[in-house]
Amino acid sequence: MSAKEAKEGTVLVGKKAASNYVFAALNFFEQGCTKVIFKARGRAITTAVNAVELLKRLMKEKIEVTDIKIGTEQRTDESTGVTRPVSFIEIHVVQKKK
């Protein structure tokens, strides 16, 4: 990775507890990442929001949310062939400069 490219990590949020995703983000920051993106779909969206809020509370003034993207994508169930809309969210969190 060149000096111009900022390191970033992606946390895919699922069914686990929000604290698991907070620890994953903390690991990315410890590894030198300056940006972490939380991605979630469907019911996991609330867990992603909770994880980011826990991270903000834990790191106090050291991080900030820079961007939030929301939308809906069409997902096809492979077993039934039924297509349905599924909401998603991406929350971009960056570590502030010291």
PDB file of N, CA and C in Angstrom:
ATOM      1  N   MET A   1       0.848  -1.171   0.000  1.00  0.00           N
ATOM      2  CA  MET A   1       0.000   0.000   0.000  1.00  0.00           C
ATOM      3  C   MET A   1       0.899   1.240   0.000  1.00  0.00           C
ATOM      4  N   SER A   2       0.663   2.152  -0.910  1.00  0.00           N
ATOM      5  CA  SER A   2       1.497   3.339  -1.008  1.00  0.00           C
ATOM      6  C   SER A   2       1.133   4.360   0.057  1.00  0.00           C
ATOM      7  N   ALA A   3       1.970   5.371   0.196  1.00  0.00           N
ATOM      8  CA  ALA A   3       1.750   6.399   1.211  1.00  0.00           C
ATOM      9  C   ALA A   3       0.499   7.218   0.917  1.00  0.00           C
ATOM     10  N   LYS A   4       0.130   7.317  -0.358  1.00  0.00           N
ATOM     11  CA  LYS A   4      -1.048   8.107  -0.713  1.00  0.00           C
ATOM     12  C   LYS A   4      -2.349   7.405  -0.338  1.00  0.00           C
ATOM     13  N   GLU A   5      -2.333   6.077  -0.320  1.00  0.00           N
ATOM     14  CA  GLU A   5      -3.538   5.321  -0.012  1.00  0.00           C
ATOM     15  C   GLU A   5      -3.741   5.259   1.492  1.00  0.00           C
ATOM     16  N   ALA A   6      -4.905   5.664   1.946  1.00  0.00           N
ATOM     17  CA  ALA A   6      -5.223   5.569   3.372  1.00  0.00           C
ATOM     18  C   ALA A   6      -5.697   4.158   3.665  1.00  0.00           C
ATOM     19  N   LYS A   7      -5.192   3.609   4.756  1.00  0.00           N
ATOM     20  CA  LYS A   7      -5.622   2.270   5.140  1.00  0.00           C
ATOM     21  C   LYS A   7      -7.041   2.349   5.672  1.00  0.00           C
ATOM     22  N   GLU A   8      -7.861   1.403   5.256  1.00  0.00           N
ATOM     23  CA  GLU A   8      -9.228   1.353   5.777  1.00  0.00           C
ATOM     24  C   GLU A   8      -9.630  -0.093   6.003  1.00  0.00           C
ATOM     25  N   GLY A   9     -10.480  -0.278   6.983  1.00  0.00           N
ATOM     26  CA  GLY A   9     -10.979  -1.603   7.309  1.00  0.00           C
ATOM     27  C   GLY A   9     -12.484  -1.631   7.158  1.00  0.00           C
ATOM     28  N   THR A  10     -13.017  -2.820   6.933  1.00  0.00           N
ATOM     29  CA  THR A  10     -14.457  -2.985   6.789  1.00  0.00           C
ATOM     30  C   THR A  10     -14.952  -3.991   7.815  1.00  0.00           C
ATOM     31  N   VAL A  11     -15.963  -3.596   8.558  1.00  0.00           N
ATOM     32  CA  VAL A  11     -16.592  -4.462   9.543  1.00  0.00           C
ATOM     33  C   VAL A  11     -17.966  -4.838   9.000  1.00  0.00           C
ATOM     34  N   LEU A  12     -18.152  -6.122   8.723  1.00  0.00           N
ATOM     35  CA  LEU A  12     -19.442  -6.613   8.240  1.00  0.00           C
ATOM     36  C   LEU A  12     -20.267  -7.033   9.452  1.00  0.00           C
ATOM     37  N   VAL A  13     -21.340  -6.315   9.691  1.00  0.00           N
ATOM     38  CA  VAL A  13     -22.151  -6.519  10.888  1.00  0.00           C
ATOM     39  C   VAL A  13     -23.228  -7.559  10.606  1.00  0.00           C
ATOM     40  N   GLY A  14     -23.364  -8.499  11.546  1.00  0.00           N
ATOM     41  CA  GLY A  14     -24.345  -9.572  11.393  1.00  0.00           C
ATOM     42  C   GLY A  14     -25.143  -9.778  12.667  1.00  0.00           C
ATOM     43  N   LYS A  15     -25.192 -11.027  13.141  1.00  0.00           N
ATOM     44  CA  LYS A  15     -26.054 -11.389  14.253  1.00  0.00           C
ATOM     45  C   LYS A  15     -25.373 -11.357  15.617  1.00  0.00           C
ATOM     46  N   LYS A  16     -24.081 -11.115  15.658  1.00  0.00           N
ATOM     47  CA  LYS A  16     -23.368 -11.119  16.945  1.00  0.00           C
ATOM     48  C   LYS A  16     -23.693  -9.863  17.744  1.00  0.00           C
ATOM     49  N   ALA A  17     -23.197  -9.823  18.969  1.00  0.00           N
ATOM     50  CA  ALA A  17     -23.405  -8.647  19.826  1.00  0.00           C
ATOM     51  C   ALA A  17     -22.626  -7.454  19.289  1.00  0.00           C
ATOM     52  N   ALA A  18     -23.132  -6.256  19.554  1.00  0.00           N
ATOM     53  CA  ALA A  18     -22.510  -5.029  19.052  1.00  0.00           C
ATOM     54  C   ALA A  18     -21.068  -4.893  19.540  1.00  0.00           C
ATOM     55  N   SER A  19     -20.785  -5.358  20.748  1.00  0.00           N
ATOM     56  CA  SER A  19     -19.427  -5.228  21.303  1.00  0.00           C
ATOM     57  C   SER A  19     -18.410  -5.992  20.464  1.00  0.00           C
ATOM     58  N   ASN A  20     -18.796  -7.080  19.831  1.00  0.00           N
ATOM     59  CA  ASN A  20     -17.868  -7.815  18.962  1.00  0.00           C
ATOM     60  C   ASN A  20     -17.393  -6.941  17.799  1.00  0.00           C
ATOM     61  N   TYR A  21     -18.290  -6.156  17.246  1.00  0.00           N
ATOM     62  CA  TYR A  21     -17.946  -5.306  16.112  1.00  0.00           C
ATOM     63  C   TYR A  21     -17.138  -4.083  16.561  1.00  0.00           C
ATOM     64  N   VAL A  22     -17.368  -3.635  17.795  1.00  0.00           N
ATOM     65  CA  VAL A  22     -16.551  -2.550  18.365  1.00  0.00           C
ATOM     66  C   VAL A  22     -15.110  -3.029  18.484  1.00  0.00           C
ATOM     67  N   PHE A  23     -14.919  -4.241  18.997  1.00  0.00           N
ATOM     68  CA  PHE A  23     -13.562  -4.779  19.128  1.00  0.00           C
ATOM     69  C   PHE A  23     -12.902  -4.969  17.771  1.00  0.00           C
ATOM     70  N   ALA A  24     -13.676  -5.352  16.771  1.00  0.00           N
ATOM     71  CA  ALA A  24     -13.126  -5.488  15.424  1.00  0.00           C
ATOM     72  C   ALA A  24     -12.639  -4.137  14.903  1.00  0.00           C
ATOM     73  N   ALA A  25     -13.418  -3.090  15.136  1.00  0.00           N
ATOM     74  CA  ALA A  25     -13.017  -1.751  14.702  1.00  0.00           C
ATOM     75  C   ALA A  25     -11.774  -1.287  15.460  1.00  0.00           C
ATOM     76  N   LEU A  26     -11.728  -1.549  16.757  1.00  0.00           N
ATOM     77  CA  LEU A  26     -10.554  -1.183  17.547  1.00  0.00           C
ATOM     78  C   LEU A  26      -9.304  -1.894  17.032  1.00  0.00           C
ATOM     79  N   ASN A  27      -9.446  -3.158  16.628  1.00  0.00           N
ATOM     80  CA  ASN A  27      -8.308  -3.884  16.055  1.00  0.00           C
ATOM     81  C   ASN A  27      -7.824  -3.227  14.767  1.00  0.00           C
ATOM     82  N   PHE A  28      -8.756  -2.789  13.916  1.00  0.00           N
ATOM     83  CA  PHE A  28      -8.362  -2.087  12.690  1.00  0.00           C
ATOM     84  C   PHE A  28      -7.592  -0.815  13.021  1.00  0.00           C
ATOM     85  N   PHE A  29      -8.075  -0.037  13.994  1.00  0.00           N
ATOM     86  CA  PHE A  29      -7.386   1.194  14.369  1.00  0.00           C
ATOM     87  C   PHE A  29      -6.001   0.890  14.935  1.00  0.00           C
ATOM     88  N   GLU A  30      -5.869  -0.175  15.721  1.00  0.00           N
ATOM     89  CA  GLU A  30      -4.569  -0.557  16.274  1.00  0.00           C
ATOM     90  C   GLU A  30      -3.596  -0.993  15.188  1.00  0.00           C
ATOM     91  N   GLN A  31      -4.113  -1.563  14.100  1.00  0.00           N
ATOM     92  CA  GLN A  31      -3.270  -2.003  12.990  1.00  0.00           C
ATOM     93  C   GLN A  31      -2.858  -0.849  12.082  1.00  0.00           C
ATOM     94  N   GLY A  32      -3.295   0.355  12.398  1.00  0.00           N
ATOM     95  CA  GLY A  32      -2.897   1.515  11.615  1.00  0.00           C
ATOM     96  C   GLY A  32      -3.924   2.019  10.634  1.00  0.00           C
ATOM     97  N   CYS A  33      -5.103   1.449  10.616  1.00  0.00           N
ATOM     98  CA  CYS A  33      -6.160   1.950   9.727  1.00  0.00           C
ATOM     99  C   CYS A  33      -6.635   3.309  10.231  1.00  0.00           C
ATOM    100  N   THR A  34      -6.899   4.204   9.302  1.00  0.00           N
ATOM    101  CA  THR A  34      -7.400   5.522   9.677  1.00  0.00           C
ATOM    102  C   THR A  34      -8.914   5.617   9.480  1.00  0.00           C
ATOM    103  N   LYS A  35      -9.482   4.645   8.754  1.00  0.00           N
ATOM    104  CA  LYS A  35     -10.906   4.675   8.454  1.00  0.00           C
ATOM    105  C   LYS A  35     -11.469   3.266   8.588  1.00  0.00           C
ATOM    106  N   VAL A  36     -12.638   3.160   9.224  1.00  0.00           N
ATOM    107  CA  VAL A  36     -13.338   1.888   9.348  1.00  0.00           C
ATOM    108  C   VAL A  36     -14.759   2.088   8.832  1.00  0.00           C
ATOM    109  N   ILE A  37     -15.209   1.154   8.008  1.00  0.00           N
ATOM    110  CA  ILE A  37     -16.550   1.215   7.449  1.00  0.00           C
ATOM    111  C   ILE A  37     -17.369   0.062   8.034  1.00  0.00           C
ATOM    112  N   PHE A  38     -18.475   0.406   8.680  1.00  0.00           N
ATOM    113  CA  PHE A  38     -19.412  -0.590   9.186  1.00  0.00           C
ATOM    114  C   PHE A  38     -20.462  -0.809   8.105  1.00  0.00           C
ATOM    115  N   LYS A  39     -20.657  -2.063   7.694  1.00  0.00           N
ATOM    116  CA  LYS A  39     -21.656  -2.387   6.677  1.00  0.00           C
ATOM    117  C   LYS A  39     -22.654  -3.375   7.257  1.00  0.00           C
ATOM    118  N   ALA A  40     -23.937  -3.109   7.017  1.00  0.00           N
ATOM    119  CA  ALA A  40     -24.980  -4.011   7.517  1.00  0.00           C
ATOM    120  C   ALA A  40     -26.172  -3.975   6.576  1.00  0.00           C
ATOM    121  N   ARG A  41     -26.932  -5.095   6.610  1.00  0.00           N
ATOM    122  CA  ARG A  41     -28.161  -5.191   5.824  1.00  0.00           C
ATOM    123  C   ARG A  41     -29.273  -5.694   6.722  1.00  0.00           C
ATOM    124  N   GLY A  42     -30.487  -5.272   6.398  1.00  0.00           N
ATOM    125  CA  GLY A  42     -31.675  -5.789   7.073  1.00  0.00           C
ATOM    126  C   GLY A  42     -31.694  -5.540   8.568  1.00  0.00           C
ATOM    127  N   ARG A  43     -31.954  -6.600   9.323  1.00  0.00           N
ATOM    128  CA  ARG A  43     -32.085  -6.482  10.776  1.00  0.00           C
ATOM    129  C   ARG A  43     -30.783  -6.115  11.469  1.00  0.00           C
ATOM    130  N   ALA A  44     -29.658  -6.309  10.814  1.00  0.00           N
ATOM    131  CA  ALA A  44     -28.358  -6.000  11.419  1.00  0.00           C
ATOM    132  C   ALA A  44     -28.063  -4.499  11.441  1.00  0.00           C
ATOM    133  N   ILE A  45     -28.900  -3.699  10.793  1.00  0.00           N
ATOM    134  CA  ILE A  45     -28.668  -2.247  10.749  1.00  0.00           C
ATOM    135  C   ILE A  45     -28.668  -1.666  12.157  1.00  0.00           C
ATOM    136  N   THR A  46     -29.585  -2.093  13.004  1.00  0.00           N
ATOM    137  CA  THR A  46     -29.629  -1.561  14.373  1.00  0.00           C
ATOM    138  C   THR A  46     -28.375  -1.943  15.152  1.00  0.00           C
ATOM    139  N   THR A  47     -27.857  -3.127  14.914  1.00  0.00           N
ATOM    140  CA  THR A  47     -26.623  -3.552  15.581  1.00  0.00           C
ATOM    141  C   THR A  47     -25.448  -2.695  15.127  1.00  0.00           C
ATOM    142  N   ALA A  48     -25.404  -2.353  13.842  1.00  0.00           N
ATOM    143  CA  ALA A  48     -24.325  -1.506  13.323  1.00  0.00           C
ATOM    144  C   ALA A  48     -24.368  -0.117  13.959  1.00  0.00           C
ATOM    145  N   VAL A  49     -25.556   0.448  14.057  1.00  0.00           N
ATOM    146  CA  VAL A  49     -25.697   1.768  14.676  1.00  0.00           C
ATOM    147  C   VAL A  49     -25.289   1.705  16.146  1.00  0.00           C
ATOM    148  N   ASN A  50     -25.723   0.662  16.847  1.00  0.00           N
ATOM    149  CA  ASN A  50     -25.338   0.505  18.252  1.00  0.00           C
ATOM    150  C   ASN A  50     -23.831   0.352  18.409  1.00  0.00           C
ATOM    151  N   ALA A  51     -23.193  -0.397  17.511  1.00  0.00           N
ATOM    152  CA  ALA A  51     -21.748  -0.588  17.582  1.00  0.00           C
ATOM    153  C   ALA A  51     -21.008   0.731  17.383  1.00  0.00           C
ATOM    154  N   VAL A  52     -21.452   1.532  16.431  1.00  0.00           N
ATOM    155  CA  VAL A  52     -20.798   2.828  16.201  1.00  0.00           C
ATOM    156  C   VAL A  52     -20.987   3.747  17.405  1.00  0.00           C
ATOM    157  N   GLU A  53     -22.165   3.749  17.990  1.00  0.00           N
ATOM    158  CA  GLU A  53     -22.404   4.582  19.169  1.00  0.00           C
ATOM    159  C   GLU A  53     -21.545   4.118  20.348  1.00  0.00           C
ATOM    160  N   LEU A  54     -21.398   2.819  20.531  1.00  0.00           N
ATOM    161  CA  LEU A  54     -20.514   2.304  21.583  1.00  0.00           C
ATOM    162  C   LEU A  54     -19.068   2.708  21.332  1.00  0.00           C
ATOM    163  N   LEU A  55     -18.652   2.625  20.074  1.00  0.00           N
ATOM    164  CA  LEU A  55     -17.288   3.006  19.710  1.00  0.00           C
ATOM    165  C   LEU A  55     -17.049   4.486  19.973  1.00  0.00           C
ATOM    166  N   LYS A  56     -18.025   5.328  19.622  1.00  0.00           N
ATOM    167  CA  LYS A  56     -17.898   6.769  19.880  1.00  0.00           C
ATOM    168  C   LYS A  56     -17.780   7.043  21.373  1.00  0.00           C
ATOM    169  N   ARG A  57     -18.581   6.344  22.172  1.00  0.00           N
ATOM    170  CA  ARG A  57     -18.546   6.532  23.621  1.00  0.00           C
ATOM    171  C   ARG A  57     -17.217   6.044  24.208  1.00  0.00           C
ATOM    172  N   LEU A  58     -16.704   4.954  23.670  1.00  0.00           N
ATOM    173  CA  LEU A  58     -15.464   4.370  24.164  1.00  0.00           C
ATOM    174  C   LEU A  58     -14.244   5.216  23.820  1.00  0.00           C
ATOM    175  N   MET A  59     -14.205   5.738  22.604  1.00  0.00           N
ATOM    176  CA  MET A  59     -13.034   6.488  22.148  1.00  0.00           C
ATOM    177  C   MET A  59     -13.173   7.995  22.347  1.00  0.00           C
ATOM    178  N   LYS A  60     -14.262   8.429  22.916  1.00  0.00           N
ATOM    179  CA  LYS A  60     -14.531   9.841  23.229  1.00  0.00           C
ATOM    180  C   LYS A  60     -14.342  10.732  22.004  1.00  0.00           C
ATOM    181  N   GLU A  61     -13.368  11.627  22.058  1.00  0.00           N
ATOM    182  CA  GLU A  61     -13.168  12.629  20.994  1.00  0.00           C
ATOM    183  C   GLU A  61     -12.196  12.166  19.912  1.00  0.00           C
ATOM    184  N   LYS A  62     -11.803  10.901  19.903  1.00  0.00           N
ATOM    185  CA  LYS A  62     -10.763  10.432  18.998  1.00  0.00           C
ATOM    186  C   LYS A  62     -11.277   9.995  17.630  1.00  0.00           C
ATOM    187  N   ILE A  63     -12.596   9.811  17.479  1.00  0.00           N
ATOM    188  CA  ILE A  63     -13.150   9.393  16.194  1.00  0.00           C
ATOM    189  C   ILE A  63     -14.342  10.263  15.831  1.00  0.00           C
ATOM    190  N   GLU A  64     -14.690  10.221  14.553  1.00  0.00           N
ATOM    191  CA  GLU A  64     -15.906  10.903  14.118  1.00  0.00           C
ATOM    192  C   GLU A  64     -16.517  10.168  12.936  1.00  0.00           C
ATOM    193  N   VAL A  65     -17.824  10.276  12.826  1.00  0.00           N
ATOM    194  CA  VAL A  65     -18.555   9.695  11.707  1.00  0.00           C
ATOM    195  C   VAL A  65     -18.508  10.705  10.572  1.00  0.00           C
ATOM    196  N   THR A  66     -17.959  10.295   9.425  1.00  0.00           N
ATOM    197  CA  THR A  66     -17.820  11.228   8.309  1.00  0.00           C
ATOM    198  C   THR A  66     -18.886  11.059   7.236  1.00  0.00           C
ATOM    199  N   ASP A  67     -19.445   9.856   7.135  1.00  0.00           N
ATOM    200  CA  ASP A  67     -20.413   9.625   6.072  1.00  0.00           C
ATOM    201  C   ASP A  67     -21.325   8.465   6.464  1.00  0.00           C
ATOM    202  N   ILE A  68     -22.576   8.565   6.084  1.00  0.00           N
ATOM    203  CA  ILE A  68     -23.537   7.488   6.271  1.00  0.00           C
ATOM    204  C   ILE A  68     -24.279   7.313   4.951  1.00  0.00           C
ATOM    205  N   LYS A  69     -24.235   6.102   4.424  1.00  0.00           N
ATOM    206  CA  LYS A  69     -24.934   5.800   3.182  1.00  0.00           C
ATOM    207  C   LYS A  69     -26.024   4.778   3.485  1.00  0.00           C
ATOM    208  N   ILE A  70     -27.222   5.063   3.002  1.00  0.00           N
ATOM    209  CA  ILE A  70     -28.334   4.121   3.174  1.00  0.00           C
ATOM    210  C   ILE A  70     -28.978   3.875   1.825  1.00  0.00           C
ATOM    211  N   GLY A  71     -29.638   2.741   1.709  1.00  0.00           N
ATOM    212  CA  GLY A  71     -30.313   2.441   0.462  1.00  0.00           C
ATOM    213  C   GLY A  71     -30.998   1.095   0.527  1.00  0.00           C
ATOM    214  N   THR A  72     -31.489   0.695  -0.625  1.00  0.00           N
ATOM    215  CA  THR A  72     -32.166  -0.582  -0.757  1.00  0.00           C
ATOM    216  C   THR A  72     -31.635  -1.280  -1.993  1.00  0.00           C
ATOM    217  N   GLU A  73     -31.372  -2.571  -1.850  1.00  0.00           N
ATOM    218  CA  GLU A  73     -30.930  -3.363  -2.994  1.00  0.00           C
ATOM    219  C   GLU A  73     -31.863  -4.556  -3.151  1.00  0.00           C
ATOM    220  N   GLN A  74     -31.965  -5.037  -4.360  1.00  0.00           N
ATOM    221  CA  GLN A  74     -32.807  -6.199  -4.646  1.00  0.00           C
ATOM    222  C   GLN A  74     -31.989  -7.471  -4.434  1.00  0.00           C
ATOM    223  N   ARG A  75     -32.459  -8.353  -3.559  1.00  0.00           N
ATOM    224  CA  ARG A  75     -31.775  -9.616  -3.268  1.00  0.00           C
ATOM    225  C   ARG A  75     -32.666 -10.765  -3.724  1.00  0.00           C
ATOM    226  N   THR A  76     -32.069 -11.755  -4.380  1.00  0.00           N
ATOM    227  CA  THR A  76     -32.804 -12.924  -4.837  1.00  0.00           C
ATOM    228  C   THR A  76     -32.434 -14.115  -3.970  1.00  0.00           C
ATOM    229  N   ASP A  77     -33.428 -14.738  -3.406  1.00  0.00           N
ATOM    230  CA  ASP A  77     -33.233 -15.956  -2.621  1.00  0.00           C
ATOM    231  C   ASP A  77     -32.896 -17.085  -3.592  1.00  0.00           C
ATOM    232  N   GLU A  78     -31.731 -17.701  -3.412  1.00  0.00           N
ATOM    233  CA  GLU A  78     -31.280 -18.724  -4.353  1.00  0.00           C
ATOM    234  C   GLU A  78     -32.158 -19.978  -4.325  1.00  0.00           C
ATOM    235  N   SER A  79     -32.711 -20.298  -3.167  1.00  0.00           N
ATOM    236  CA  SER A  79     -33.502 -21.528  -3.076  1.00  0.00           C
ATOM    237  C   SER A  79     -34.899 -21.373  -3.695  1.00  0.00           C
ATOM    238  N   THR A  80     -35.504 -20.201  -3.530  1.00  0.00           N
ATOM    239  CA  THR A  80     -36.875 -20.013  -4.038  1.00  0.00           C
ATOM    240  C   THR A  80     -36.938 -19.174  -5.312  1.00  0.00           C
ATOM    241  N   GLY A  81     -35.884 -18.389  -5.565  1.00  0.00           N
ATOM    242  CA  GLY A  81     -35.881 -17.527  -6.745  1.00  0.00           C
ATOM    243  C   GLY A  81     -36.676 -16.246  -6.566  1.00  0.00           C
ATOM    244  N   VAL A  82     -37.147 -15.975  -5.344  1.00  0.00           N
ATOM    245  CA  VAL A  82     -37.942 -14.778  -5.061  1.00  0.00           C
ATOM    246  C   VAL A  82     -37.003 -13.588  -4.851  1.00  0.00           C
ATOM    247  N   THR A  83     -37.316 -12.469  -5.519  1.00  0.00           N
ATOM    248  CA  THR A  83     -36.546 -11.247  -5.372  1.00  0.00           C
ATOM    249  C   THR A  83     -37.294 -10.301  -4.442  1.00  0.00           C
ATOM    250  N   ARG A  84     -36.563  -9.732  -3.471  1.00  0.00           N
ATOM    251  CA  ARG A  84     -37.192  -8.796  -2.532  1.00  0.00           C
ATOM    252  C   ARG A  84     -36.206  -7.694  -2.176  1.00  0.00           C
ATOM    253  N   PRO A  85     -36.722  -6.538  -1.761  1.00  0.00           N
ATOM    254  CA  PRO A  85     -35.835  -5.434  -1.387  1.00  0.00           C
ATOM    255  C   PRO A  85     -35.263  -5.635   0.017  1.00  0.00           C
ATOM    256  N   VAL A  86     -33.983  -5.294   0.169  1.00  0.00           N
ATOM    257  CA  VAL A  86     -33.318  -5.371   1.468  1.00  0.00           C
ATOM    258  C   VAL A  86     -32.588  -4.047   1.691  1.00  0.00           C
ATOM    259  N   SER A  87     -32.837  -3.415   2.831  1.00  0.00           N
ATOM    260  CA  SER A  87     -32.179  -2.154   3.159  1.00  0.00           C
ATOM    261  C   SER A  87     -30.746  -2.413   3.596  1.00  0.00           C
ATOM    262  N   PHE A  88     -29.877  -1.412   3.364  1.00  0.00           N
ATOM    263  CA  PHE A  88     -28.494  -1.516   3.822  1.00  0.00           C
ATOM    264  C   PHE A  88     -28.031  -0.179   4.359  1.00  0.00           C
ATOM    265  N   ILE A  89     -26.931  -0.221   5.129  1.00  0.00           N
ATOM    266  CA  ILE A  89     -26.321   0.985   5.660  1.00  0.00           C
ATOM    267  C   ILE A  89     -24.810   0.814   5.646  1.00  0.00           C
ATOM    268  N   GLU A  90     -24.105   1.900   5.378  1.00  0.00           N
ATOM    269  CA  GLU A  90     -22.656   1.964   5.502  1.00  0.00           C
ATOM    270  C   GLU A  90     -22.351   3.182   6.366  1.00  0.00           C
ATOM    271  N   ILE A  91     -21.620   2.972   7.445  1.00  0.00           N
ATOM    272  CA  ILE A  91     -21.248   4.065   8.340  1.00  0.00           C
ATOM    273  C   ILE A  91     -19.732   4.188   8.309  1.00  0.00           C
ATOM    274  N   HIS A  92     -19.233   5.347   7.865  1.00  0.00           N
ATOM    275  CA  HIS A  92     -17.801   5.593   7.747  1.00  0.00           C
ATOM    276  C   HIS A  92     -17.312   6.326   8.995  1.00  0.00           C
ATOM    277  N   VAL A  93     -16.343   5.720   9.675  1.00  0.00           N
ATOM    278  CA  VAL A  93     -15.792   6.283  10.899  1.00  0.00           C
ATOM    279  C   VAL A  93     -14.293   6.497  10.684  1.00  0.00           C
ATOM    280  N   VAL A  94     -13.813   7.700  11.003  1.00  0.00           N
ATOM    281  CA  VAL A  94     -12.380   7.990  10.856  1.00  0.00           C
ATOM    282  C   VAL A  94     -11.785   8.377  12.202  1.00  0.00           C
ATOM    283  N   GLN A  95     -10.514   8.079  12.328  1.00  0.00           N
ATOM    284  CA  GLN A  95      -9.770   8.454  13.517  1.00  0.00           C
ATOM    285  C   GLN A  95      -9.257   9.873  13.312  1.00  0.00           C
ATOM    286  N   LYS A  96      -9.530  10.737  14.265  1.00  0.00           N
ATOM    287  CA  LYS A  96      -9.103  12.126  14.154  1.00  0.00           C
ATOM    288  C   LYS A  96      -7.596  12.241  14.270  1.00  0.00           C
ATOM    289  N   LYS A  97      -7.048  13.247  13.612  1.00  0.00           N
ATOM    290  CA  LYS A  97      -5.613  13.526  13.696  1.00  0.00           C
ATOM    291  C   LYS A  97      -5.272  13.981  15.092  1.00  0.00           C
ATOM    292  N   LYS A  98      -4.100  13.582  15.546  1.00  0.00           N
ATOM    293  CA  LYS A  98      -3.692  13.937  16.923  1.00  0.00           C
ATOM    294  C   LYS A  98      -3.120  15.317  17.006  1.00  0.00           C
TER     295      LYS A  98
END
